[in-house]
């Protein structure tokens, strides 16, 4: 499992993520603004900027219990290929 240790907003719904492995990369979350449901909140950039690292579950979170799988974020940020078990 990949753990997020730091995150920085870089603008335009993009966040640079830093992982415990020493790797880092930028993830573009702009597509989530149009997904509806809990992601409806992402239409407000001010809300989006309220992200934080939950050090207990070691991933990127927002108020209202929104979070993302840290492994998925790792592969999006680093561009490494997904392991077979994540492809289904």
N, C-alpha and C. Protein backbone atom coordinates (compact mmCIF):
# COMPACT_ATOMS: atom_id res chain seq x y z
N UNK A 1 0.84 -1.18 0.00
CA UNK A 1 0.00 0.00 0.00
C UNK A 1 0.88 1.24 0.00
N UNK A 2 0.50 2.21 -0.79
CA UNK A 2 1.24 3.47 -0.89
C UNK A 2 0.60 4.50 0.03
N UNK A 3 1.44 5.17 0.79
CA UNK A 3 0.94 6.15 1.74
C UNK A 3 1.28 7.57 1.28
N UNK A 4 0.30 8.46 1.36
CA UNK A 4 0.53 9.86 1.02
C UNK A 4 1.04 10.56 2.27
N UNK A 5 2.17 11.25 2.13
CA UNK A 5 2.75 11.92 3.28
C UNK A 5 2.61 13.44 3.21
N UNK A 6 2.35 13.96 2.01
CA UNK A 6 2.16 15.40 1.87
C UNK A 6 1.41 15.68 0.57
N UNK A 7 0.78 16.85 0.50
CA UNK A 7 0.04 17.24 -0.70
C UNK A 7 0.06 18.76 -0.80
N UNK A 8 0.19 19.24 -2.04
CA UNK A 8 0.21 20.69 -2.29
C UNK A 8 -0.71 21.01 -3.46
N UNK A 9 -1.56 22.00 -3.27
CA UNK A 9 -2.42 22.46 -4.37
C UNK A 9 -1.56 23.24 -5.35
N UNK A 10 -1.65 22.87 -6.63
CA UNK A 10 -0.84 23.56 -7.64
C UNK A 10 -1.69 24.40 -8.60
N UNK A 11 -3.02 24.38 -8.40
CA UNK A 11 -3.92 25.20 -9.20
C UNK A 11 -4.75 24.39 -10.16
N UNK A 12 -5.89 24.95 -10.55
CA UNK A 12 -6.77 24.36 -11.55
C UNK A 12 -7.16 22.91 -11.22
N UNK A 13 -7.51 22.66 -9.96
CA UNK A 13 -7.94 21.34 -9.49
C UNK A 13 -6.86 20.27 -9.59
N UNK A 14 -5.62 20.68 -9.51
CA UNK A 14 -4.49 19.74 -9.53
C UNK A 14 -3.78 19.79 -8.19
N UNK A 15 -3.42 18.59 -7.70
CA UNK A 15 -2.73 18.46 -6.43
C UNK A 15 -1.47 17.62 -6.65
N UNK A 16 -0.35 18.14 -6.15
CA UNK A 16 0.88 17.36 -6.18
C UNK A 16 0.93 16.52 -4.92
N UNK A 17 1.09 15.21 -5.11
CA UNK A 17 1.10 14.27 -4.01
C UNK A 17 2.51 13.73 -3.79
N UNK A 18 2.87 13.57 -2.54
CA UNK A 18 4.16 13.03 -2.15
C UNK A 18 3.92 11.74 -1.37
N UNK A 19 4.61 10.67 -1.77
CA UNK A 19 4.38 9.35 -1.20
C UNK A 19 5.55 8.90 -0.32
N UNK A 20 5.27 7.95 0.54
CA UNK A 20 6.30 7.44 1.45
C UNK A 20 7.46 6.78 0.72
N UNK A 21 7.26 6.42 -0.52
CA UNK A 21 8.32 5.80 -1.33
C UNK A 21 9.34 6.83 -1.82
N UNK A 22 9.02 8.12 -1.63
CA UNK A 22 9.88 9.18 -2.15
C UNK A 22 9.41 9.69 -3.51
N UNK A 23 8.48 9.00 -4.13
CA UNK A 23 7.96 9.43 -5.43
C UNK A 23 6.88 10.48 -5.22
N UNK A 24 6.67 11.28 -6.27
CA UNK A 24 5.63 12.31 -6.24
C UNK A 24 5.10 12.51 -7.64
N UNK A 25 3.98 13.19 -7.72
CA UNK A 25 3.38 13.49 -9.01
C UNK A 25 2.11 14.28 -8.83
N UNK A 26 1.61 14.79 -9.94
CA UNK A 26 0.42 15.64 -9.93
C UNK A 26 -0.79 14.85 -10.42
N UNK A 27 -1.90 14.98 -9.68
CA UNK A 27 -3.17 14.36 -10.08
C UNK A 27 -4.16 15.48 -10.39
N UNK A 28 -4.80 15.36 -11.54
CA UNK A 28 -5.81 16.33 -11.98
C UNK A 28 -7.19 15.80 -11.56
N UNK A 29 -7.85 16.53 -10.68
CA UNK A 29 -9.17 16.13 -10.18
C UNK A 29 -10.30 16.88 -10.87
N UNK A 30 -10.02 17.64 -11.92
CA UNK A 30 -11.04 18.50 -12.53
C UNK A 30 -12.25 17.73 -13.05
N UNK A 31 -12.07 16.51 -13.51
CA UNK A 31 -13.20 15.73 -14.04
C UNK A 31 -14.22 15.39 -12.96
N UNK A 32 -13.81 15.37 -11.70
CA UNK A 32 -14.73 15.03 -10.61
C UNK A 32 -15.78 16.12 -10.38
N UNK A 33 -15.53 17.33 -10.87
CA UNK A 33 -16.52 18.41 -10.69
C UNK A 33 -17.84 18.08 -11.35
N UNK A 34 -17.83 17.23 -12.37
CA UNK A 34 -19.03 16.91 -13.13
C UNK A 34 -19.62 15.55 -12.80
N UNK A 35 -19.13 14.90 -11.76
CA UNK A 35 -19.58 13.55 -11.44
C UNK A 35 -20.84 13.49 -10.60
N UNK A 36 -21.20 14.56 -9.94
CA UNK A 36 -22.40 14.53 -9.10
C UNK A 36 -22.16 13.81 -7.79
N UNK A 37 -23.24 13.55 -7.07
CA UNK A 37 -23.14 12.89 -5.77
C UNK A 37 -22.28 13.70 -4.81
N UNK A 38 -21.44 13.02 -4.05
CA UNK A 38 -20.58 13.72 -3.09
C UNK A 38 -19.60 14.66 -3.79
N UNK A 39 -19.28 14.35 -5.04
CA UNK A 39 -18.32 15.19 -5.78
C UNK A 39 -18.94 16.50 -6.26
N UNK A 40 -20.23 16.66 -6.09
CA UNK A 40 -20.90 17.93 -6.39
C UNK A 40 -20.21 19.08 -5.63
N UNK A 41 -19.71 18.76 -4.46
CA UNK A 41 -19.02 19.76 -3.64
C UNK A 41 -17.75 20.29 -4.31
N UNK A 42 -17.16 19.50 -5.21
CA UNK A 42 -15.93 19.92 -5.89
C UNK A 42 -16.18 21.06 -6.89
N UNK A 43 -17.43 21.37 -7.17
CA UNK A 43 -17.70 22.51 -8.06
C UNK A 43 -17.21 23.81 -7.45
N UNK A 44 -17.10 23.85 -6.14
CA UNK A 44 -16.55 25.00 -5.44
C UNK A 44 -15.05 24.79 -5.27
N UNK A 45 -14.26 25.62 -5.91
CA UNK A 45 -12.81 25.49 -5.78
C UNK A 45 -12.37 25.74 -4.34
N UNK A 46 -13.08 26.62 -3.65
CA UNK A 46 -12.75 26.88 -2.25
C UNK A 46 -12.93 25.61 -1.41
N UNK A 47 -14.01 24.87 -1.66
CA UNK A 47 -14.20 23.60 -0.96
C UNK A 47 -13.08 22.63 -1.35
N UNK A 48 -12.80 22.53 -2.63
CA UNK A 48 -11.78 21.59 -3.11
C UNK A 48 -10.44 21.81 -2.41
N UNK A 49 -10.11 23.07 -2.18
CA UNK A 49 -8.83 23.41 -1.55
C UNK A 49 -8.76 23.01 -0.07
N UNK A 50 -9.86 22.53 0.49
CA UNK A 50 -9.89 22.14 1.90
C UNK A 50 -9.39 20.71 2.14
N UNK A 51 -8.71 20.14 1.14
CA UNK A 51 -8.20 18.78 1.29
C UNK A 51 -7.17 18.72 2.42
N UNK A 52 -6.98 17.52 2.92
CA UNK A 52 -5.98 17.29 3.97
C UNK A 52 -5.54 15.83 3.89
N UNK A 53 -4.44 15.53 4.54
CA UNK A 53 -3.97 14.15 4.64
C UNK A 53 -4.48 13.58 5.96
N UNK A 54 -5.24 12.51 5.87
CA UNK A 54 -5.65 11.80 7.07
C UNK A 54 -4.52 10.83 7.40
N UNK A 55 -3.79 11.10 8.45
CA UNK A 55 -2.62 10.30 8.77
C UNK A 55 -2.97 8.93 9.34
N UNK A 56 -4.22 8.74 9.71
CA UNK A 56 -4.64 7.42 10.17
C UNK A 56 -4.84 6.48 9.00
N UNK A 57 -5.54 6.95 7.95
CA UNK A 57 -5.76 6.09 6.77
C UNK A 57 -4.78 6.41 5.65
N UNK A 58 -3.94 7.42 5.85
CA UNK A 58 -2.82 7.76 4.98
C UNK A 58 -3.23 8.05 3.54
N UNK A 59 -4.27 8.87 3.42
CA UNK A 59 -4.70 9.26 2.08
C UNK A 59 -5.25 10.67 2.08
N UNK A 60 -5.57 11.14 0.90
CA UNK A 60 -6.10 12.48 0.67
C UNK A 60 -7.59 12.49 0.98
N UNK A 61 -8.02 13.46 1.79
CA UNK A 61 -9.42 13.53 2.22
C UNK A 61 -9.93 14.96 2.13
N UNK A 62 -11.25 15.07 2.18
CA UNK A 62 -11.96 16.34 2.27
C UNK A 62 -12.99 16.24 3.38
N UNK A 63 -13.47 17.38 3.86
CA UNK A 63 -14.59 17.31 4.81
C UNK A 63 -15.75 16.53 4.19
N UNK A 64 -16.66 16.08 4.98
CA UNK A 64 -17.82 15.31 4.55
C UNK A 64 -17.45 13.89 4.13
N UNK A 65 -16.30 13.40 4.67
CA UNK A 65 -15.87 12.02 4.49
C UNK A 65 -15.60 11.63 3.03
N UNK A 66 -15.08 12.56 2.26
CA UNK A 66 -14.66 12.25 0.89
C UNK A 66 -13.19 11.88 0.94
N UNK A 67 -12.85 10.72 0.34
CA UNK A 67 -11.45 10.33 0.25
C UNK A 67 -11.23 9.48 -1.00
N UNK A 68 -9.99 9.27 -1.32
CA UNK A 68 -9.61 8.48 -2.48
C UNK A 68 -8.65 7.38 -2.05
N UNK A 69 -8.71 6.26 -2.74
CA UNK A 69 -7.80 5.16 -2.48
C UNK A 69 -6.36 5.62 -2.74
N UNK A 70 -5.46 5.50 -1.76
CA UNK A 70 -4.10 5.98 -1.95
C UNK A 70 -3.34 5.24 -3.05
N UNK A 71 -3.65 3.97 -3.27
CA UNK A 71 -2.97 3.24 -4.35
C UNK A 71 -3.38 3.78 -5.71
N UNK A 72 -4.68 4.05 -5.89
CA UNK A 72 -5.14 4.61 -7.15
C UNK A 72 -4.48 5.97 -7.39
N UNK A 73 -4.38 6.78 -6.34
CA UNK A 73 -3.73 8.09 -6.49
C UNK A 73 -2.26 7.94 -6.83
N UNK A 74 -1.61 6.94 -6.26
CA UNK A 74 -0.19 6.70 -6.55
C UNK A 74 0.01 6.43 -8.04
N UNK A 75 -0.81 5.56 -8.60
CA UNK A 75 -0.64 5.22 -10.02
C UNK A 75 -1.02 6.38 -10.92
N UNK A 76 -2.01 7.17 -10.54
CA UNK A 76 -2.36 8.36 -11.33
C UNK A 76 -1.24 9.40 -11.26
N UNK A 77 -0.64 9.56 -10.10
CA UNK A 77 0.40 10.57 -9.91
C UNK A 77 1.72 10.18 -10.56
N UNK A 78 2.09 8.92 -10.47
CA UNK A 78 3.40 8.50 -10.96
C UNK A 78 3.38 8.00 -12.39
N UNK A 79 2.20 7.63 -12.89
CA UNK A 79 2.12 7.10 -14.25
C UNK A 79 2.58 5.66 -14.37
N UNK A 80 2.88 5.04 -13.25
CA UNK A 80 3.27 3.63 -13.28
C UNK A 80 2.05 2.79 -13.67
N UNK A 81 2.27 1.66 -14.34
CA UNK A 81 1.14 0.81 -14.72
C UNK A 81 0.46 0.21 -13.49
N UNK A 82 -0.85 0.06 -13.59
CA UNK A 82 -1.61 -0.55 -12.51
C UNK A 82 -1.23 -2.01 -12.36
N UNK A 83 -1.17 -2.52 -11.14
CA UNK A 83 -0.97 -3.96 -10.98
C UNK A 83 -2.22 -4.70 -11.48
N UNK A 84 -2.06 -5.93 -11.84
CA UNK A 84 -3.16 -6.72 -12.42
C UNK A 84 -4.40 -6.73 -11.53
N UNK A 85 -4.23 -6.83 -10.21
CA UNK A 85 -5.38 -6.93 -9.32
C UNK A 85 -6.22 -5.66 -9.29
N UNK A 86 -5.65 -4.52 -9.75
CA UNK A 86 -6.40 -3.26 -9.76
C UNK A 86 -7.11 -3.00 -11.09
N UNK A 87 -6.84 -3.79 -12.09
CA UNK A 87 -7.38 -3.53 -13.43
C UNK A 87 -8.81 -3.96 -13.60
N UNK A 88 -9.33 -4.84 -12.78
CA UNK A 88 -10.71 -5.32 -12.98
C UNK A 88 -11.73 -4.39 -12.40
